[in-house]
Amino acid sequence: MMLYPPVADLVDKVGSRYALINLVAKRARGISAEAEKTGEPLVKKPVSAAIDEVYTGKLTVESGEEEEA
């Protein structure tokens, strides 16, 4: 089974696996809460959408966020 995008590419964009997991989880919760609040159905699963945002560069780790993690 081939995963897309590769985890190694995602880690390179963020800096560490720990930061990647925290970033994706936080964004996925935000996507889910936003969809629930607006009543809008989700096209993709929140985690998949968050991973896509990291891969495309739309979602990044700020220096302060990484230090907190």
PDB file of N, CA and C in Angstrom:
ATOM      1  N   MET A   1       0.843  -1.180   0.000  1.00  0.00           N
ATOM      2  CA  MET A   1       0.000   0.000   0.000  1.00  0.00           C
ATOM      3  C   MET A   1       0.888   1.242   0.000  1.00  0.00           C
ATOM      4  N   MET A   2       0.686   2.115  -0.957  1.00  0.00           N
ATOM      5  CA  MET A   2       1.474   3.328  -1.080  1.00  0.00           C
ATOM      6  C   MET A   2       0.698   4.495  -0.481  1.00  0.00           C
ATOM      7  N   LEU A   3       1.340   5.196   0.410  1.00  0.00           N
ATOM      8  CA  LEU A   3       0.699   6.354   1.026  1.00  0.00           C
ATOM      9  C   LEU A   3       1.046   7.599   0.232  1.00  0.00           C
ATOM     10  N   TYR A   4       0.058   8.435  -0.001  1.00  0.00           N
ATOM     11  CA  TYR A   4       0.294   9.691  -0.686  1.00  0.00           C
ATOM     12  C   TYR A   4      -0.258  10.804   0.166  1.00  0.00           C
ATOM     13  N   PRO A   5       0.453  11.811   0.431  1.00  0.00           N
ATOM     14  CA  PRO A   5       1.869  12.040   0.140  1.00  0.00           C
ATOM     15  C   PRO A   5       2.762  11.255   1.095  1.00  0.00           C
ATOM     16  N   PRO A   6       3.995  10.988   0.687  1.00  0.00           N
ATOM     17  CA  PRO A   6       4.900  10.233   1.560  1.00  0.00           C
ATOM     18  C   PRO A   6       5.158  10.973   2.876  1.00  0.00           C
ATOM     19  N   VAL A   7       5.194  10.229   3.956  1.00  0.00           N
ATOM     20  CA  VAL A   7       5.399  10.813   5.285  1.00  0.00           C
ATOM     21  C   VAL A   7       6.737  11.546   5.340  1.00  0.00           C
ATOM     22  N   ALA A   8       7.751  11.008   4.688  1.00  0.00           N
ATOM     23  CA  ALA A   8       9.075  11.649   4.702  1.00  0.00           C
ATOM     24  C   ALA A   8       9.004  13.054   4.109  1.00  0.00           C
ATOM     25  N   ASP A   9       8.215  13.235   3.059  1.00  0.00           N
ATOM     26  CA  ASP A   9       8.064  14.571   2.464  1.00  0.00           C
ATOM     27  C   ASP A   9       7.368  15.529   3.429  1.00  0.00           C
ATOM     28  N   LEU A  10       6.368  15.034   4.135  1.00  0.00           N
ATOM     29  CA  LEU A  10       5.650  15.865   5.097  1.00  0.00           C
ATOM     30  C   LEU A  10       6.555  16.264   6.256  1.00  0.00           C
ATOM     31  N   VAL A  11       7.351  15.316   6.740  1.00  0.00           N
ATOM     32  CA  VAL A  11       8.269  15.598   7.845  1.00  0.00           C
ATOM     33  C   VAL A  11       9.298  16.632   7.412  1.00  0.00           C
ATOM     34  N   ASP A  12       9.779  16.540   6.170  1.00  0.00           N
ATOM     35  CA  ASP A  12      10.743  17.527   5.659  1.00  0.00           C
ATOM     36  C   ASP A  12      10.145  18.930   5.662  1.00  0.00           C
ATOM     37  N   LYS A  13       8.866  19.047   5.365  1.00  0.00           N
ATOM     38  CA  LYS A  13       8.212  20.359   5.323  1.00  0.00           C
ATOM     39  C   LYS A  13       8.014  20.955   6.713  1.00  0.00           C
ATOM     40  N   VAL A  14       7.812  20.083   7.719  1.00  0.00           N
ATOM     41  CA  VAL A  14       7.473  20.553   9.062  1.00  0.00           C
ATOM     42  C   VAL A  14       8.676  20.560   9.994  1.00  0.00           C
ATOM     43  N   GLY A  15       9.529  19.567   9.885  1.00  0.00           N
ATOM     44  CA  GLY A  15      10.716  19.545  10.723  1.00  0.00           C
ATOM     45  C   GLY A  15      10.855  18.302  11.572  1.00  0.00           C
ATOM     46  N   SER A  16       9.743  17.763  12.083  1.00  0.00           N
ATOM     47  CA  SER A  16       9.803  16.543  12.882  1.00  0.00           C
ATOM     48  C   SER A  16       8.443  15.840  12.826  1.00  0.00           C
ATOM     49  N   ARG A  17       8.470  14.557  13.119  1.00  0.00           N
ATOM     50  CA  ARG A  17       7.222  13.791  13.122  1.00  0.00           C
ATOM     51  C   ARG A  17       6.280  14.292  14.211  1.00  0.00           C
ATOM     52  N   TYR A  18       6.854  14.635  15.349  1.00  0.00           N
ATOM     53  CA  TYR A  18       6.043  15.128  16.465  1.00  0.00           C
ATOM     54  C   TYR A  18       5.311  16.412  16.073  1.00  0.00           C
ATOM     55  N   ALA A  19       6.028  17.329  15.460  1.00  0.00           N
ATOM     56  CA  ALA A  19       5.412  18.586  15.027  1.00  0.00           C
ATOM     57  C   ALA A  19       4.356  18.332  13.957  1.00  0.00           C
ATOM     58  N   LEU A  20       4.634  17.394  13.062  1.00  0.00           N
ATOM     59  CA  LEU A  20       3.680  17.057  12.009  1.00  0.00           C
ATOM     60  C   LEU A  20       2.380  16.527  12.603  1.00  0.00           C
ATOM     61  N   ILE A  21       2.490  15.606  13.533  1.00  0.00           N
ATOM     62  CA  ILE A  21       1.302  15.022  14.152  1.00  0.00           C
ATOM     63  C   ILE A  21       0.491  16.079  14.888  1.00  0.00           C
ATOM     64  N   ASN A  22       1.171  16.922  15.642  1.00  0.00           N
ATOM     65  CA  ASN A  22       0.463  17.977  16.375  1.00  0.00           C
ATOM     66  C   ASN A  22      -0.208  18.959  15.431  1.00  0.00           C
ATOM     67  N   LEU A  23       0.491  19.357  14.385  1.00  0.00           N
ATOM     68  CA  LEU A  23      -0.048  20.313  13.424  1.00  0.00           C
ATOM     69  C   LEU A  23      -1.274  19.755  12.715  1.00  0.00           C
ATOM     70  N   VAL A  24      -1.172  18.523  12.226  1.00  0.00           N
ATOM     71  CA  VAL A  24      -2.283  17.906  11.499  1.00  0.00           C
ATOM     72  C   VAL A  24      -3.480  17.673  12.427  1.00  0.00           C
ATOM     73  N   ALA A  25      -3.233  17.205  13.641  1.00  0.00           N
ATOM     74  CA  ALA A  25      -4.326  16.949  14.573  1.00  0.00           C
ATOM     75  C   ALA A  25      -5.063  18.232  14.939  1.00  0.00           C
ATOM     76  N   LYS A  26      -4.299  19.284  15.195  1.00  0.00           N
ATOM     77  CA  LYS A  26      -4.904  20.564  15.564  1.00  0.00           C
ATOM     78  C   LYS A  26      -5.752  21.121  14.417  1.00  0.00           C
ATOM     79  N   ARG A  27      -5.212  21.049  13.203  1.00  0.00           N
ATOM     80  CA  ARG A  27      -5.941  21.558  12.038  1.00  0.00           C
ATOM     81  C   ARG A  27      -7.174  20.704  11.743  1.00  0.00           C
ATOM     82  N   ALA A  28      -7.046  19.379  11.892  1.00  0.00           N
ATOM     83  CA  ALA A  28      -8.186  18.489  11.639  1.00  0.00           C
ATOM     84  C   ALA A  28      -9.324  18.775  12.615  1.00  0.00           C
ATOM     85  N   ARG A  29      -8.981  19.025  13.877  1.00  0.00           N
ATOM     86  CA  ARG A  29     -10.024  19.391  14.854  1.00  0.00           C
ATOM     87  C   ARG A  29     -10.689  20.701  14.453  1.00  0.00           C
ATOM     88  N   GLY A  30      -9.897  21.650  13.956  1.00  0.00           N
ATOM     89  CA  GLY A  30     -10.452  22.926  13.512  1.00  0.00           C
ATOM     90  C   GLY A  30     -11.375  22.769  12.319  1.00  0.00           C
ATOM     91  N   ILE A  31     -10.972  21.947  11.367  1.00  0.00           N
ATOM     92  CA  ILE A  31     -11.803  21.692  10.184  1.00  0.00           C
ATOM     93  C   ILE A  31     -13.117  21.048  10.603  1.00  0.00           C
ATOM     94  N   SER A  32     -13.033  20.069  11.489  1.00  0.00           N
ATOM     95  CA  SER A  32     -14.229  19.370  11.955  1.00  0.00           C
ATOM     96  C   SER A  32     -15.168  20.310  12.702  1.00  0.00           C
ATOM     97  N   ALA A  33     -14.614  21.130  13.584  1.00  0.00           N
ATOM     98  CA  ALA A  33     -15.436  22.069  14.354  1.00  0.00           C
ATOM     99  C   ALA A  33     -16.086  23.103  13.448  1.00  0.00           C
ATOM    100  N   GLU A  34     -15.347  23.589  12.467  1.00  0.00           N
ATOM    101  CA  GLU A  34     -15.878  24.578  11.528  1.00  0.00           C
ATOM    102  C   GLU A  34     -17.029  23.988  10.713  1.00  0.00           C
ATOM    103  N   ALA A  35     -16.868  22.754  10.249  1.00  0.00           N
ATOM    104  CA  ALA A  35     -17.919  22.101   9.467  1.00  0.00           C
ATOM    105  C   ALA A  35     -19.158  21.852  10.323  1.00  0.00           C
ATOM    106  N   GLU A  36     -18.942  21.489  11.571  1.00  0.00           N
ATOM    107  CA  GLU A  36     -20.068  21.238  12.467  1.00  0.00           C
ATOM    108  C   GLU A  36     -20.819  22.544  12.768  1.00  0.00           C
ATOM    109  N   LYS A  37     -20.060  23.604  12.950  1.00  0.00           N
ATOM    110  CA  LYS A  37     -20.674  24.895  13.265  1.00  0.00           C
ATOM    111  C   LYS A  37     -21.515  25.422  12.101  1.00  0.00           C
ATOM    112  N   THR A  38     -20.995  25.289  10.879  1.00  0.00           N
ATOM    113  CA  THR A  38     -21.699  25.804   9.703  1.00  0.00           C
ATOM    114  C   THR A  38     -22.714  24.820   9.146  1.00  0.00           C
ATOM    115  N   GLY A  39     -22.627  23.549   9.572  1.00  0.00           N
ATOM    116  CA  GLY A  39     -23.540  22.538   9.054  1.00  0.00           C
ATOM    117  C   GLY A  39     -23.184  22.088   7.660  1.00  0.00           C
ATOM    118  N   GLU A  40     -21.992  22.417   7.221  1.00  0.00           N
ATOM    119  CA  GLU A  40     -21.539  22.070   5.879  1.00  0.00           C
ATOM    120  C   GLU A  40     -20.981  20.647   5.866  1.00  0.00           C
ATOM    121  N   PRO A  41     -21.403  19.812   4.910  1.00  0.00           N
ATOM    122  CA  PRO A  41     -20.860  18.451   4.860  1.00  0.00           C
ATOM    123  C   PRO A  41     -19.404  18.472   4.384  1.00  0.00           C
ATOM    124  N   LEU A  42     -18.616  17.556   4.921  1.00  0.00           N
ATOM    125  CA  LEU A  42     -17.207  17.474   4.554  1.00  0.00           C
ATOM    126  C   LEU A  42     -17.033  16.614   3.310  1.00  0.00           C
ATOM    127  N   VAL A  43     -16.245  17.110   2.362  1.00  0.00           N
ATOM    128  CA  VAL A  43     -15.947  16.358   1.145  1.00  0.00           C
ATOM    129  C   VAL A  43     -14.905  15.286   1.454  1.00  0.00           C
ATOM    130  N   LYS A  44     -13.907  15.645   2.274  1.00  0.00           N
ATOM    131  CA  LYS A  44     -12.840  14.738   2.668  1.00  0.00           C
ATOM    132  C   LYS A  44     -12.852  14.602   4.183  1.00  0.00           C
ATOM    133  N   LYS A  45     -12.165  13.590   4.662  1.00  0.00           N
ATOM    134  CA  LYS A  45     -11.989  13.460   6.105  1.00  0.00           C
ATOM    135  C   LYS A  45     -11.103  14.598   6.583  1.00  0.00           C
ATOM    136  N   PRO A  46     -11.343  15.121   7.785  1.00  0.00           N
ATOM    137  CA  PRO A  46     -10.565  16.258   8.282  1.00  0.00           C
ATOM    138  C   PRO A  46      -9.055  16.013   8.312  1.00  0.00           C
ATOM    139  N   VAL A  47      -8.621  14.816   8.665  1.00  0.00           N
ATOM    140  CA  VAL A  47      -7.185  14.527   8.710  1.00  0.00           C
ATOM    141  C   VAL A  47      -6.597  14.566   7.303  1.00  0.00           C
ATOM    142  N   SER A  48      -7.306  14.016   6.330  1.00  0.00           N
ATOM    143  CA  SER A  48      -6.828  14.040   4.945  1.00  0.00           C
ATOM    144  C   SER A  48      -6.718  15.470   4.430  1.00  0.00           C
ATOM    145  N   ALA A  49      -7.688  16.297   4.759  1.00  0.00           N
ATOM    146  CA  ALA A  49      -7.654  17.690   4.336  1.00  0.00           C
ATOM    147  C   ALA A  49      -6.479  18.424   4.970  1.00  0.00           C
ATOM    148  N   ALA A  50      -6.220  18.162   6.248  1.00  0.00           N
ATOM    149  CA  ALA A  50      -5.105  18.805   6.941  1.00  0.00           C
ATOM    150  C   ALA A  50      -3.765  18.353   6.355  1.00  0.00           C
ATOM    151  N   ILE A  51      -3.632  17.072   6.038  1.00  0.00           N
ATOM    152  CA  ILE A  51      -2.400  16.569   5.426  1.00  0.00           C
ATOM    153  C   ILE A  51      -2.183  17.214   4.064  1.00  0.00           C
ATOM    154  N   ASP A  52      -3.238  17.349   3.285  1.00  0.00           N
ATOM    155  CA  ASP A  52      -3.122  18.016   1.984  1.00  0.00           C
ATOM    156  C   ASP A  52      -2.664  19.458   2.146  1.00  0.00           C
ATOM    157  N   GLU A  53      -3.154  20.141   3.171  1.00  0.00           N
ATOM    158  CA  GLU A  53      -2.740  21.528   3.417  1.00  0.00           C
ATOM    159  C   GLU A  53      -1.259  21.606   3.770  1.00  0.00           C
ATOM    160  N   VAL A  54      -0.758  20.662   4.524  1.00  0.00           N
ATOM    161  CA  VAL A  54       0.671  20.633   4.853  1.00  0.00           C
ATOM    162  C   VAL A  54       1.474  20.372   3.590  1.00  0.00           C
ATOM    163  N   TYR A  55       1.050  19.405   2.794  1.00  0.00           N
ATOM    164  CA  TYR A  55       1.792  19.020   1.596  1.00  0.00           C
ATOM    165  C   TYR A  55       1.853  20.149   0.573  1.00  0.00           C
ATOM    166  N   THR A  56       0.772  20.903   0.435  1.00  0.00           N
ATOM    167  CA  THR A  56       0.753  21.994  -0.544  1.00  0.00           C
ATOM    168  C   THR A  56       1.415  23.267  -0.015  1.00  0.00           C
ATOM    169  N   GLY A  57       1.739  23.295   1.271  1.00  0.00           N
ATOM    170  CA  GLY A  57       2.396  24.467   1.849  1.00  0.00           C
ATOM    171  C   GLY A  57       1.427  25.486   2.419  1.00  0.00           C
ATOM    172  N   LYS A  58       0.140  25.206   2.370  1.00  0.00           N
ATOM    173  CA  LYS A  58      -0.863  26.130   2.910  1.00  0.00           C
ATOM    174  C   LYS A  58      -0.804  26.179   4.432  1.00  0.00           C
ATOM    175  N   LEU A  59      -0.401  25.069   5.055  1.00  0.00           N
ATOM    176  CA  LEU A  59      -0.332  24.962   6.503  1.00  0.00           C
ATOM    177  C   LEU A  59       1.113  24.704   6.904  1.00  0.00           C
ATOM    178  N   THR A  60       1.653  25.583   7.745  1.00  0.00           N
ATOM    179  CA  THR A  60       3.046  25.447   8.181  1.00  0.00           C
ATOM    180  C   THR A  60       3.137  25.637   9.692  1.00  0.00           C
ATOM    181  N   VAL A  61       4.292  25.272  10.234  1.00  0.00           N
ATOM    182  CA  VAL A  61       4.540  25.449  11.663  1.00  0.00           C
ATOM    183  C   VAL A  61       5.244  26.783  11.853  1.00  0.00           C
ATOM    184  N   GLU A  62       4.714  27.594  12.767  1.00  0.00           N
ATOM    185  CA  GLU A  62       5.392  28.843  13.116  1.00  0.00           C
ATOM    186  C   GLU A  62       6.429  28.521  14.173  1.00  0.00           C
ATOM    187  N   SER A  63       7.438  29.322  14.292  1.00  0.00           N
ATOM    188  CA  SER A  63       8.534  29.029  15.212  1.00  0.00           C
ATOM    189  C   SER A  63       8.047  28.929  16.657  1.00  0.00           C
ATOM    190  N   GLY A  64       7.096  29.716  17.076  1.00  0.00           N
ATOM    191  CA  GLY A  64       6.553  29.658  18.431  1.00  0.00           C
ATOM    192  C   GLY A  64       5.783  28.379  18.684  1.00  0.00           C
ATOM    193  N   GLU A  65       5.075  27.876  17.671  1.00  0.00           N
ATOM    194  CA  GLU A  65       4.312  26.648  17.826  1.00  0.00           C
ATOM    195  C   GLU A  65       5.225  25.456  18.021  1.00  0.00           C
ATOM    196  N   GLU A  66       6.328  25.408  17.313  1.00  0.00           N
ATOM    197  CA  GLU A  66       7.244  24.283  17.412  1.00  0.00           C
ATOM    198  C   GLU A  66       7.902  24.223  18.777  1.00  0.00           C
ATOM    199  N   GLU A  67       8.203  25.383  19.359  1.00  0.00           N
ATOM    200  CA  GLU A  67       8.830  25.416  20.670  1.00  0.00           C
ATOM    201  C   GLU A  67       7.876  24.942  21.753  1.00  0.00           C
ATOM    202  N   GLU A  68       6.560  25.235  21.600  1.00  0.00           N
ATOM    203  CA  GLU A  68       5.565  24.793  22.561  1.00  0.00           C
ATOM    204  C   GLU A  68       5.431  23.287  22.541  1.00  0.00           C
ATOM    205  N   ALA A  69       5.519  22.707  21.355  1.00  0.00           N
ATOM    206  CA  ALA A  69       5.361  21.259  21.206  1.00  0.00           C
ATOM    207  C   ALA A  69       6.512  20.560  21.855  1.00  0.00           C
TER     208      ALA A  69
END
